[in-house]
């Protein structure tokens, strides 16, 4: 299991209306993060605050500046510390990582899924509780 290389596949795949958000998260954003809350509509995320139309990708997903146009894009989250719990808990299963073509997965993970699970839990410890 490799460290996350910020390929963005998970954010691109699940960054539209596929994320669940709790009522508590919305309430906290409303109070402390109005810049995030403005993208909430009827308890759902992510909606254009001007048109009310749903986004197909997360409005907070950004690409890091590149000096080499041929280099692979590096994705960042502009609300990382206040991102939804759904984001904090991804990835949690090797099977979902394989399905989503996560670039953290290595051949040795497929050969020894139990070891991969332990490594994943260790890698994601800070993210899950952040």
Protein backbone atom coordinates (compact mmCIF):
# COMPACT_ATOMS: atom_id res chain seq x y z
CA UNK A 1 0.00 0.00 0.00
CA UNK A 2 1.46 3.30 -1.10
CA UNK A 3 0.78 6.68 0.44
CA UNK A 4 -1.88 8.75 -1.28
CA UNK A 5 -0.41 10.48 -4.33
CA UNK A 6 -3.33 12.92 -4.64
CA UNK A 7 -4.46 11.51 -7.99
CA UNK A 8 -7.95 12.89 -7.33
CA UNK A 9 -9.82 9.81 -8.57
CA UNK A 10 -11.91 9.47 -5.41
CA UNK A 11 -12.82 13.17 -5.27
CA UNK A 12 -13.67 13.23 -8.96
CA UNK A 13 -15.79 10.08 -8.71
CA UNK A 14 -17.64 10.95 -5.51
CA UNK A 15 -17.36 14.73 -5.44
CA UNK A 16 -20.71 15.51 -7.02
CA UNK A 17 -23.94 14.52 -5.34
CA UNK A 18 -22.60 11.16 -4.21
CA UNK A 19 -21.49 12.32 -0.77
CA UNK A 20 -23.62 12.07 2.32
CA UNK A 21 -23.46 14.89 4.82
CA UNK A 22 -24.89 14.98 8.32
CA UNK A 23 -27.27 17.57 9.70
CA UNK A 24 -24.61 18.36 12.30
CA UNK A 25 -21.99 19.06 9.64
CA UNK A 26 -24.36 21.40 7.85
CA UNK A 27 -25.18 23.22 11.08
CA UNK A 28 -21.47 23.66 11.89
CA UNK A 29 -20.77 24.98 8.41
CA UNK A 30 -23.68 27.39 8.70
CA UNK A 31 -22.21 28.82 11.91
CA UNK A 32 -18.46 28.56 11.35
CA UNK A 33 -17.95 28.11 7.59
CA UNK A 34 -20.48 30.12 5.58
CA UNK A 35 -18.13 29.82 2.59
CA UNK A 36 -18.90 26.07 2.61
CA UNK A 37 -22.52 26.34 3.74
CA UNK A 38 -23.45 28.42 0.69
CA UNK A 39 -22.98 25.24 -1.40
CA UNK A 40 -25.64 23.35 0.63
CA UNK A 41 -29.25 23.09 -0.54
CA UNK A 42 -32.04 21.23 1.24
CA UNK A 43 -29.56 19.22 3.32
CA UNK A 44 -27.58 18.13 0.23
CA UNK A 45 -24.19 19.11 -1.18
CA UNK A 46 -22.75 20.57 -3.64
CA UNK A 47 -24.95 23.17 -5.31
CA UNK A 48 -24.00 26.34 -7.16
CA UNK A 49 -24.88 29.17 -4.76
CA UNK A 50 -25.84 31.47 -7.65
CA UNK A 51 -27.98 29.13 -9.77
CA UNK A 52 -28.97 26.39 -7.31
CA UNK A 53 -27.87 23.80 -9.88
CA UNK A 54 -25.95 20.75 -8.60
CA UNK A 55 -22.25 20.48 -9.31
CA UNK A 56 -21.00 17.33 -10.99
CA UNK A 57 -17.67 17.62 -9.17
CA UNK A 58 -16.77 19.05 -5.79
CA UNK A 59 -16.38 22.84 -5.95
CA UNK A 60 -13.53 22.58 -3.43
CA UNK A 61 -11.38 20.19 -5.47
CA UNK A 62 -8.42 22.08 -6.87
CA UNK A 63 -5.32 21.19 -8.83
CA UNK A 64 -1.94 22.21 -7.53
CA UNK A 65 -0.03 24.67 -9.73
CA UNK A 66 2.20 22.88 -12.23
CA UNK A 67 5.48 24.05 -13.67
CA UNK A 68 5.67 21.09 -16.03
CA UNK A 69 2.56 20.80 -18.23
CA UNK A 70 3.34 17.14 -18.92
CA UNK A 71 3.46 16.24 -15.23
CA UNK A 72 0.61 14.38 -13.61
CA UNK A 73 -1.99 16.60 -11.93
CA UNK A 74 -1.92 16.79 -8.15
CA UNK A 75 -5.30 17.43 -6.57
CA UNK A 76 -5.93 19.28 -3.32
CA UNK A 77 -8.98 20.00 -1.18
CA UNK A 78 -9.50 23.64 -0.26
CA UNK A 79 -11.71 22.64 2.71
CA UNK A 80 -9.60 19.69 3.86
CA UNK A 81 -9.90 20.44 7.60
CA UNK A 82 -13.67 20.95 7.30
CA UNK A 83 -14.45 18.35 4.64
CA UNK A 84 -17.45 16.02 5.06
CA UNK A 85 -17.11 12.85 7.12
CA UNK A 86 -17.65 10.83 3.94
CA UNK A 87 -14.41 12.30 2.62
CA UNK A 88 -12.58 11.65 5.89
CA UNK A 89 -13.49 7.96 5.81
CA UNK A 90 -12.40 7.25 2.26
CA UNK A 91 -10.79 4.87 1.51
CA UNK A 92 -11.82 2.31 4.09
CA UNK A 93 -11.93 -0.95 2.15
CA UNK A 94 -9.45 -2.52 -0.24
CA UNK A 95 -12.37 -3.64 -2.44
CA UNK A 96 -13.57 -0.05 -2.93
CA UNK A 97 -10.04 1.08 -3.67
CA UNK A 98 -9.72 -1.59 -6.36
CA UNK A 99 -13.13 -0.69 -7.80
CA UNK A 100 -12.21 3.01 -7.89
CA UNK A 101 -8.74 2.35 -9.35
CA UNK A 102 -7.06 3.97 -6.35
CA UNK A 103 -3.37 4.47 -7.01
CA UNK A 104 -2.46 3.57 -3.42
CA UNK A 105 -3.07 -0.13 -4.20
CA UNK A 106 -0.06 -2.28 -5.07
CA UNK A 107 0.16 -5.83 -6.40
CA UNK A 108 1.32 -7.06 -2.98
CA UNK A 109 -1.95 -5.73 -1.49
CA UNK A 110 -3.92 -8.01 -3.78
CA UNK A 111 -1.74 -10.97 -2.78
CA UNK A 112 -2.13 -10.28 0.95
CA UNK A 113 -5.41 -8.43 1.63
CA UNK A 114 -5.16 -8.74 5.43
CA UNK A 115 -1.77 -7.05 5.48
CA UNK A 116 -3.12 -4.39 3.08
CA UNK A 117 -6.08 -3.76 5.39
CA UNK A 118 -3.77 -3.22 8.36
CA UNK A 119 -1.55 -0.87 6.35
CA UNK A 120 -4.59 1.06 5.11
CA UNK A 121 -5.89 1.49 8.65
CA UNK A 122 -2.51 2.82 9.71
CA UNK A 123 -2.25 5.19 6.73
CA UNK A 124 -5.77 6.54 7.21
CA UNK A 125 -5.68 6.82 11.03
CA UNK A 126 -5.18 10.58 11.02
CA UNK A 127 -7.65 11.19 8.21
CA UNK A 128 -10.45 9.20 9.83
CA UNK A 129 -10.22 11.11 13.07
CA UNK A 130 -9.21 14.50 11.62
